[in-house]
Amino acid sequence: MSSVLESDDLYADILNDLQSKPLTNRIAKEQTLIDIETIKTLNLENSVLRTNISTLYRTAMKELEKKDAEIRALRVELLKKV
């Protein structure tokens, strides 16, 4: 009698696995779609941030060039007064 119960348990586990697989597959597909959307969003944010950083860097370099030119002009003016 116990062998009958054991075999029933064995088949019950297999049946449960088979019944849960479609749900598992659906959840995996949904998670994959969410992951794909997250990747798209992160790629877009990354692109925007790279553009912003690049623009900020170029602006900073131009400002440094202006300041360097201003310092050179002031040094020349100072040397003329001496």
PDB file of N, CA and C in Angstrom:
ATOM      1  N   MET A   1       0.814  -1.193   0.000  1.00  0.00           N
ATOM      2  CA  MET A   1       0.000   0.000   0.000  1.00  0.00           C
ATOM      3  C   MET A   1       0.857   1.256   0.000  1.00  0.00           C
ATOM      4  N   SER A   2       1.957   1.190   0.717  1.00  0.00           N
ATOM      5  CA  SER A   2       2.821   2.365   0.729  1.00  0.00           C
ATOM      6  C   SER A   2       3.463   2.583  -0.619  1.00  0.00           C
ATOM      7  N   SER A   3       3.730   1.510  -1.388  1.00  0.00           N
ATOM      8  CA  SER A   3       4.321   1.680  -2.708  1.00  0.00           C
ATOM      9  C   SER A   3       3.355   2.373  -3.655  1.00  0.00           C
ATOM     10  N   VAL A   4       2.082   2.185  -3.485  1.00  0.00           N
ATOM     11  CA  VAL A   4       1.085   2.862  -4.311  1.00  0.00           C
ATOM     12  C   VAL A   4       1.098   4.351  -4.000  1.00  0.00           C
ATOM     13  N   LEU A   5       1.180   4.702  -2.739  1.00  0.00           N
ATOM     14  CA  LEU A   5       1.209   6.103  -2.339  1.00  0.00           C
ATOM     15  C   LEU A   5       2.476   6.778  -2.839  1.00  0.00           C
ATOM     16  N   GLU A   6       3.592   6.068  -2.773  1.00  0.00           N
ATOM     17  CA  GLU A   6       4.847   6.624  -3.247  1.00  0.00           C
ATOM     18  C   GLU A   6       4.805   6.883  -4.748  1.00  0.00           C
ATOM     19  N   SER A   7       4.238   5.964  -5.503  1.00  0.00           N
ATOM     20  CA  SER A   7       4.151   6.173  -6.943  1.00  0.00           C
ATOM     21  C   SER A   7       3.179   7.294  -7.265  1.00  0.00           C
ATOM     22  N   ASP A   8       2.105   7.424  -6.495  1.00  0.00           N
ATOM     23  CA  ASP A   8       1.169   8.530  -6.695  1.00  0.00           C
ATOM     24  C   ASP A   8       1.874   9.864  -6.441  1.00  0.00           C
ATOM     25  N   ASP A   9       2.699   9.913  -5.405  1.00  0.00           N
ATOM     26  CA  ASP A   9       3.443  11.130  -5.094  1.00  0.00           C
ATOM     27  C   ASP A   9       4.420  11.461  -6.218  1.00  0.00           C
ATOM     28  N   LEU A  10       5.054  10.447  -6.764  1.00  0.00           N
ATOM     29  CA  LEU A  10       5.993  10.642  -7.853  1.00  0.00           C
ATOM     30  C   LEU A  10       5.291  11.268  -9.054  1.00  0.00           C
ATOM     31  N   TYR A  11       4.153  10.702  -9.420  1.00  0.00           N
ATOM     32  CA  TYR A  11       3.414  11.226 -10.565  1.00  0.00           C
ATOM     33  C   TYR A  11       2.797  12.588 -10.254  1.00  0.00           C
ATOM     34  N   ALA A  12       2.428  12.800  -9.016  1.00  0.00           N
ATOM     35  CA  ALA A  12       1.863  14.090  -8.631  1.00  0.00           C
ATOM     36  C   ALA A  12       2.907  15.186  -8.811  1.00  0.00           C
ATOM     37  N   ASP A  13       4.149  14.898  -8.443  1.00  0.00           N
ATOM     38  CA  ASP A  13       5.222  15.879  -8.622  1.00  0.00           C
ATOM     39  C   ASP A  13       5.440  16.196 -10.092  1.00  0.00           C
ATOM     40  N   ILE A  14       5.419  15.162 -10.933  1.00  0.00           N
ATOM     41  CA  ILE A  14       5.601  15.370 -12.373  1.00  0.00           C
ATOM     42  C   ILE A  14       4.454  16.192 -12.926  1.00  0.00           C
ATOM     43  N   LEU A  15       3.231  15.862 -12.501  1.00  0.00           N
ATOM     44  CA  LEU A  15       2.056  16.594 -12.960  1.00  0.00           C
ATOM     45  C   LEU A  15       2.125  18.051 -12.508  1.00  0.00           C
ATOM     46  N   ASN A  16       2.521  18.269 -11.287  1.00  0.00           N
ATOM     47  CA  ASN A  16       2.648  19.642 -10.783  1.00  0.00           C
ATOM     48  C   ASN A  16       3.701  20.420 -11.567  1.00  0.00           C
ATOM     49  N   ASP A  17       4.818  19.762 -11.870  1.00  0.00           N
ATOM     50  CA  ASP A  17       5.862  20.413 -12.662  1.00  0.00           C
ATOM     51  C   ASP A  17       5.338  20.807 -14.039  1.00  0.00           C
ATOM     52  N   LEU A  18       4.621  19.878 -14.671  1.00  0.00           N
ATOM     53  CA  LEU A  18       4.086  20.161 -16.005  1.00  0.00           C
ATOM     54  C   LEU A  18       3.066  21.286 -15.973  1.00  0.00           C
ATOM     55  N   GLN A  19       2.262  21.324 -14.931  1.00  0.00           N
ATOM     56  CA  GLN A  19       1.244  22.363 -14.830  1.00  0.00           C
ATOM     57  C   GLN A  19       1.865  23.722 -14.514  1.00  0.00           C
ATOM     58  N   SER A  20       2.957  23.731 -13.785  1.00  0.00           N
ATOM     59  CA  SER A  20       3.568  25.008 -13.410  1.00  0.00           C
ATOM     60  C   SER A  20       4.470  25.563 -14.501  1.00  0.00           C
ATOM     61  N   LYS A  21       4.909  24.752 -15.436  1.00  0.00           N
ATOM     62  CA  LYS A  21       5.815  25.227 -16.493  1.00  0.00           C
ATOM     63  C   LYS A  21       5.212  26.325 -17.355  1.00  0.00           C
ATOM     64  N   PRO A  22       3.959  26.205 -17.815  1.00  0.00           N
ATOM     65  CA  PRO A  22       3.408  27.312 -18.609  1.00  0.00           C
ATOM     66  C   PRO A  22       3.409  28.628 -17.831  1.00  0.00           C
ATOM     67  N   LEU A  23       3.106  28.561 -16.551  1.00  0.00           N
ATOM     68  CA  LEU A  23       3.132  29.768 -15.732  1.00  0.00           C
ATOM     69  C   LEU A  23       4.557  30.291 -15.613  1.00  0.00           C
ATOM     70  N   THR A  24       5.504  29.394 -15.400  1.00  0.00           N
ATOM     71  CA  THR A  24       6.906  29.783 -15.298  1.00  0.00           C
ATOM     72  C   THR A  24       7.383  30.396 -16.608  1.00  0.00           C
ATOM     73  N   ASN A  25       7.004  29.779 -17.726  1.00  0.00           N
ATOM     74  CA  ASN A  25       7.395  30.315 -19.026  1.00  0.00           C
ATOM     75  C   ASN A  25       6.781  31.692 -19.257  1.00  0.00           C
ATOM     76  N   ARG A  26       5.540  31.855 -18.882  1.00  0.00           N
ATOM     77  CA  ARG A  26       4.878  33.145 -19.063  1.00  0.00           C
ATOM     78  C   ARG A  26       5.551  34.214 -18.199  1.00  0.00           C
ATOM     79  N   ILE A  27       5.858  33.854 -16.970  1.00  0.00           N
ATOM     80  CA  ILE A  27       6.541  34.801 -16.073  1.00  0.00           C
ATOM     81  C   ILE A  27       7.915  35.148 -16.635  1.00  0.00           C
ATOM     82  N   ALA A  28       8.626  34.154 -17.150  1.00  0.00           N
ATOM     83  CA  ALA A  28       9.955  34.397 -17.727  1.00  0.00           C
ATOM     84  C   ALA A  28       9.845  35.313 -18.942  1.00  0.00           C
ATOM     85  N   LYS A  29       8.833  35.101 -19.777  1.00  0.00           N
ATOM     86  CA  LYS A  29       8.647  35.951 -20.953  1.00  0.00           C
ATOM     87  C   LYS A  29       8.322  37.383 -20.532  1.00  0.00           C
ATOM     88  N   GLU A  30       7.446  37.520 -19.528  1.00  0.00           N
ATOM     89  CA  GLU A  30       7.102  38.855 -19.037  1.00  0.00           C
ATOM     90  C   GLU A  30       8.332  39.549 -18.463  1.00  0.00           C
ATOM     91  N   GLN A  31       9.128  38.815 -17.709  1.00  0.00           N
ATOM     92  CA  GLN A  31      10.336  39.391 -17.125  1.00  0.00           C
ATOM     93  C   GLN A  31      11.319  39.789 -18.220  1.00  0.00           C
ATOM     94  N   THR A  32      11.410  38.973 -19.259  1.00  0.00           N
ATOM     95  CA  THR A  32      12.292  39.287 -20.380  1.00  0.00           C
ATOM     96  C   THR A  32      11.845  40.574 -21.065  1.00  0.00           C
ATOM     97  N   LEU A  33      10.533  40.725 -21.262  1.00  0.00           N
ATOM     98  CA  LEU A  33      10.022  41.962 -21.871  1.00  0.00           C
ATOM     99  C   LEU A  33      10.318  43.171 -20.990  1.00  0.00           C
ATOM    100  N   ILE A  34      10.158  42.994 -19.700  1.00  0.00           N
ATOM    101  CA  ILE A  34      10.475  44.089 -18.766  1.00  0.00           C
ATOM    102  C   ILE A  34      11.964  44.413 -18.842  1.00  0.00           C
ATOM    103  N   ASP A  35      12.801  43.378 -18.892  1.00  0.00           N
ATOM    104  CA  ASP A  35      14.247  43.582 -18.986  1.00  0.00           C
ATOM    105  C   ASP A  35      14.622  44.311 -20.271  1.00  0.00           C
ATOM    106  N   ILE A  36      13.984  43.942 -21.371  1.00  0.00           N
ATOM    107  CA  ILE A  36      14.261  44.596 -22.653  1.00  0.00           C
ATOM    108  C   ILE A  36      13.878  46.072 -22.586  1.00  0.00           C
ATOM    109  N   GLU A  37      12.736  46.372 -22.003  1.00  0.00           N
ATOM    110  CA  GLU A  37      12.312  47.773 -21.859  1.00  0.00           C
ATOM    111  C   GLU A  37      13.275  48.539 -20.961  1.00  0.00           C
ATOM    112  N   THR A  38      13.731  47.898 -19.895  1.00  0.00           N
ATOM    113  CA  THR A  38      14.689  48.537 -18.996  1.00  0.00           C
ATOM    114  C   THR A  38      15.994  48.828 -19.734  1.00  0.00           C
ATOM    115  N   ILE A  39      16.452  47.887 -20.530  1.00  0.00           N
ATOM    116  CA  ILE A  39      17.683  48.081 -21.297  1.00  0.00           C
ATOM    117  C   ILE A  39      17.523  49.234 -22.284  1.00  0.00           C
ATOM    118  N   LYS A  40      16.381  49.295 -22.955  1.00  0.00           N
ATOM    119  CA  LYS A  40      16.129  50.397 -23.896  1.00  0.00           C
ATOM    120  C   LYS A  40      16.153  51.736 -23.172  1.00  0.00           C
ATOM    121  N   THR A  41      15.488  51.789 -22.017  1.00  0.00           N
ATOM    122  CA  THR A  41      15.456  53.025 -21.243  1.00  0.00           C
ATOM    123  C   THR A  41      16.856  53.425 -20.786  1.00  0.00           C
ATOM    124  N   LEU A  42      17.617  52.468 -20.295  1.00  0.00           N
ATOM    125  CA  LEU A  42      18.973  52.756 -19.831  1.00  0.00           C
ATOM    126  C   LEU A  42      19.882  53.189 -20.977  1.00  0.00           C
ATOM    127  N   ASN A  43      19.723  52.570 -22.140  1.00  0.00           N
ATOM    128  CA  ASN A  43      20.516  52.978 -23.299  1.00  0.00           C
ATOM    129  C   ASN A  43      20.199  54.411 -23.707  1.00  0.00           C
ATOM    130  N   LEU A  44      18.917  54.768 -23.673  1.00  0.00           N
ATOM    131  CA  LEU A  44      18.528  56.134 -24.010  1.00  0.00           C
ATOM    132  C   LEU A  44      19.097  57.120 -22.993  1.00  0.00           C
ATOM    133  N   GLU A  45      18.956  56.802 -21.703  1.00  0.00           N
ATOM    134  CA  GLU A  45      19.504  57.668 -20.656  1.00  0.00           C
ATOM    135  C   GLU A  45      21.018  57.792 -20.802  1.00  0.00           C
ATOM    136  N   ASN A  46      21.676  56.691 -21.107  1.00  0.00           N
ATOM    137  CA  ASN A  46      23.124  56.694 -21.296  1.00  0.00           C
ATOM    138  C   ASN A  46      23.504  57.631 -22.440  1.00  0.00           C
ATOM    139  N   SER A  47      22.775  57.546 -23.527  1.00  0.00           N
ATOM    140  CA  SER A  47      23.046  58.393 -24.686  1.00  0.00           C
ATOM    141  C   SER A  47      22.882  59.870 -24.340  1.00  0.00           C
ATOM    142  N   VAL A  48      21.810  60.193 -23.630  1.00  0.00           N
ATOM    143  CA  VAL A  48      21.565  61.584 -23.236  1.00  0.00           C
ATOM    144  C   VAL A  48      22.671  62.069 -22.305  1.00  0.00           C
ATOM    145  N   LEU A  49      23.052  61.250 -21.343  1.00  0.00           N
ATOM    146  CA  LEU A  49      24.106  61.640 -20.403  1.00  0.00           C
ATOM    147  C   LEU A  49      25.445  61.828 -21.104  1.00  0.00           C
ATOM    148  N   ARG A  50      25.758  60.955 -22.055  1.00  0.00           N
ATOM    149  CA  ARG A  50      27.013  61.107 -22.806  1.00  0.00           C
ATOM    150  C   ARG A  50      27.016  62.423 -23.585  1.00  0.00           C
ATOM    151  N   THR A  51      25.884  62.735 -24.201  1.00  0.00           N
ATOM    152  CA  THR A  51      25.778  63.991 -24.946  1.00  0.00           C
ATOM    153  C   THR A  51      25.941  65.179 -24.010  1.00  0.00           C
ATOM    154  N   ASN A  52      25.275  65.131 -22.865  1.00  0.00           N
ATOM    155  CA  ASN A  52      25.361  66.234 -21.906  1.00  0.00           C
ATOM    156  C   ASN A  52      26.780  66.405 -21.370  1.00  0.00           C
ATOM    157  N   ILE A  53      27.429  65.310 -21.047  1.00  0.00           N
ATOM    158  CA  ILE A  53      28.796  65.389 -20.525  1.00  0.00           C
ATOM    159  C   ILE A  53      29.738  65.931 -21.600  1.00  0.00           C
ATOM    160  N   SER A  54      29.561  65.482 -22.817  1.00  0.00           N
ATOM    161  CA  SER A  54      30.397  65.951 -23.913  1.00  0.00           C
ATOM    162  C   SER A  54      30.227  67.452 -24.123  1.00  0.00           C
ATOM    163  N   THR A  55      28.979  67.902 -24.092  1.00  0.00           N
ATOM    164  CA  THR A  55      28.696  69.329 -24.246  1.00  0.00           C
ATOM    165  C   THR A  55      29.299  70.132 -23.093  1.00  0.00           C
ATOM    166  N   LEU A  56      29.145  69.625 -21.894  1.00  0.00           N
ATOM    167  CA  LEU A  56      29.705  70.291 -20.721  1.00  0.00           C
ATOM    168  C   LEU A  56      31.227  70.374 -20.821  1.00  0.00           C
ATOM    169  N   TYR A  57      31.869  69.305 -21.258  1.00  0.00           N
ATOM    170  CA  TYR A  57      33.315  69.290 -21.405  1.00  0.00           C
ATOM    171  C   TYR A  57      33.769  70.323 -22.440  1.00  0.00           C
ATOM    172  N   ARG A  58      33.095  70.358 -23.583  1.00  0.00           N
ATOM    173  CA  ARG A  58      33.477  71.324 -24.624  1.00  0.00           C
ATOM    174  C   ARG A  58      33.278  72.756 -24.138  1.00  0.00           C
ATOM    175  N   THR A  59      32.204  72.994 -23.424  1.00  0.00           N
ATOM    176  CA  THR A  59      31.946  74.329 -22.875  1.00  0.00           C
ATOM    177  C   THR A  59      33.031  74.717 -21.884  1.00  0.00           C
ATOM    178  N   ALA A  60      33.405  73.785 -21.018  1.00  0.00           N
ATOM    179  CA  ALA A  60      34.453  74.059 -20.031  1.00  0.00           C
ATOM    180  C   ALA A  60      35.785  74.351 -20.723  1.00  0.00           C
ATOM    181  N   MET A  61      36.101  73.606 -21.755  1.00  0.00           N
ATOM    182  CA  MET A  61      37.349  73.841 -22.488  1.00  0.00           C
ATOM    183  C   MET A  61      37.348  75.224 -23.143  1.00  0.00           C
ATOM    184  N   LYS A  62      36.237  75.628 -23.710  1.00  0.00           N
ATOM    185  CA  LYS A  62      36.145  76.970 -24.320  1.00  0.00           C
ATOM    186  C   LYS A  62      36.321  78.053 -23.255  1.00  0.00           C
ATOM    187  N   GLU A  63      35.717  77.850 -22.099  1.00  0.00           N
ATOM    188  CA  GLU A  63      35.868  78.825 -21.014  1.00  0.00           C
ATOM    189  C   GLU A  63      37.317  78.905 -20.554  1.00  0.00           C
ATOM    190  N   LEU A  64      37.995  77.773 -20.469  1.00  0.00           N
ATOM    191  CA  LEU A  64      39.405  77.779 -20.091  1.00  0.00           C
ATOM    192  C   LEU A  64      40.251  78.521 -21.123  1.00  0.00           C
ATOM    193  N   GLU A  65      39.939  78.318 -22.395  1.00  0.00           N
ATOM    194  CA  GLU A  65      40.663  79.030 -23.445  1.00  0.00           C
ATOM    195  C   GLU A  65      40.452  80.538 -23.309  1.00  0.00           C
ATOM    196  N   LYS A  66      39.224  80.965 -23.018  1.00  0.00           N
ATOM    197  CA  LYS A  66      38.935  82.389 -22.843  1.00  0.00           C
ATOM    198  C   LYS A  66      39.706  82.946 -21.649  1.00  0.00           C
ATOM    199  N   LYS A  67      39.703  82.198 -20.548  1.00  0.00           N
ATOM    200  CA  LYS A  67      40.402  82.663 -19.345  1.00  0.00           C
ATOM    201  C   LYS A  67      41.904  82.736 -19.587  1.00  0.00           C
ATOM    202  N   ASP A  68      42.451  81.733 -20.286  1.00  0.00           N
ATOM    203  CA  ASP A  68      43.880  81.759 -20.607  1.00  0.00           C
ATOM    204  C   ASP A  68      44.221  82.972 -21.463  1.00  0.00           C
ATOM    205  N   ALA A  69      43.378  83.269 -22.444  1.00  0.00           N
ATOM    206  CA  ALA A  69      43.616  84.436 -23.300  1.00  0.00           C
ATOM    207  C   ALA A  69      43.521  85.721 -22.478  1.00  0.00           C
ATOM    208  N   GLU A  70      42.565  85.760 -21.570  1.00  0.00           N
ATOM    209  CA  GLU A  70      42.419  86.950 -20.715  1.00  0.00           C
ATOM    210  C   GLU A  70      43.643  87.121 -19.817  1.00  0.00           C
ATOM    211  N   ILE A  71      44.141  86.024 -19.254  1.00  0.00           N
ATOM    212  CA  ILE A  71      45.337  86.082 -18.402  1.00  0.00           C
ATOM    213  C   ILE A  71      46.544  86.545 -19.208  1.00  0.00           C
ATOM    214  N   ARG A  72      46.701  86.032 -20.422  1.00  0.00           N
ATOM    215  CA  ARG A  72      47.819  86.466 -21.272  1.00  0.00           C
ATOM    216  C   ARG A  72      47.726  87.958 -21.572  1.00  0.00           C
ATOM    217  N   ALA A  73      46.523  88.418 -21.874  1.00  0.00           N
ATOM    218  CA  ALA A  73      46.344  89.837 -22.185  1.00  0.00           C
ATOM    219  C   ALA A  73      46.666  90.698 -20.966  1.00  0.00           C
ATOM    220  N   LEU A  74      46.247  90.268 -19.794  1.00  0.00           N
ATOM    221  CA  LEU A  74      46.533  91.030 -18.576  1.00  0.00           C
ATOM    222  C   LEU A  74      48.026  91.031 -18.265  1.00  0.00           C
ATOM    223  N   ARG A  75      48.714  89.933 -18.523  1.00  0.00           N
ATOM    224  CA  ARG A  75      50.163  89.883 -18.295  1.00  0.00           C
ATOM    225  C   ARG A  75      50.887  90.834 -19.241  1.00  0.00           C
ATOM    226  N   VAL A  76      50.455  90.859 -20.504  1.00  0.00           N
ATOM    227  CA  VAL A  76      51.060  91.775 -21.478  1.00  0.00           C
ATOM    228  C   VAL A  76      50.827  93.208 -21.027  1.00  0.00           C
ATOM    229  N   GLU A  77      49.622  93.505 -20.594  1.00  0.00           N
ATOM    230  CA  GLU A  77      49.289  94.858 -20.138  1.00  0.00           C
ATOM    231  C   GLU A  77      50.111  95.221 -18.917  1.00  0.00           C
ATOM    232  N   LEU A  78      50.295  94.271 -18.008  1.00  0.00           N
ATOM    233  CA  LEU A  78      51.092  94.511 -16.805  1.00  0.00           C
ATOM    234  C   LEU A  78      52.553  94.761 -17.152  1.00  0.00           C
ATOM    235  N   LEU A  79      53.093  94.007 -18.114  1.00  0.00           N
ATOM    236  CA  LEU A  79      54.486  94.199 -18.539  1.00  0.00           C
ATOM    237  C   LEU A  79      54.682  95.540 -19.190  1.00  0.00           C
ATOM    238  N   LYS A  80      53.688  96.055 -19.873  1.00  0.00           N
ATOM    239  CA  LYS A  80      53.786  97.356 -20.513  1.00  0.00           C
ATOM    240  C   LYS A  80      53.867  98.471 -19.464  1.00  0.00           C
ATOM    241  N   LYS A  81      53.228  98.274 -18.316  1.00  0.00           N
ATOM    242  CA  LYS A  81      53.210  99.281 -17.277  1.00  0.00           C
ATOM    243  C   LYS A  81      54.507  99.291 -16.476  1.00  0.00           C
ATOM    244  N   VAL A  82      55.197  98.196 -16.494  1.00  0.00           N
ATOM    245  CA  VAL A  82      56.414  98.099 -15.679  1.00  0.00           C
ATOM    246  C   VAL A  82      57.562  98.727 -16.330  1.00  0.00           C
TER     247      VAL A  82
END
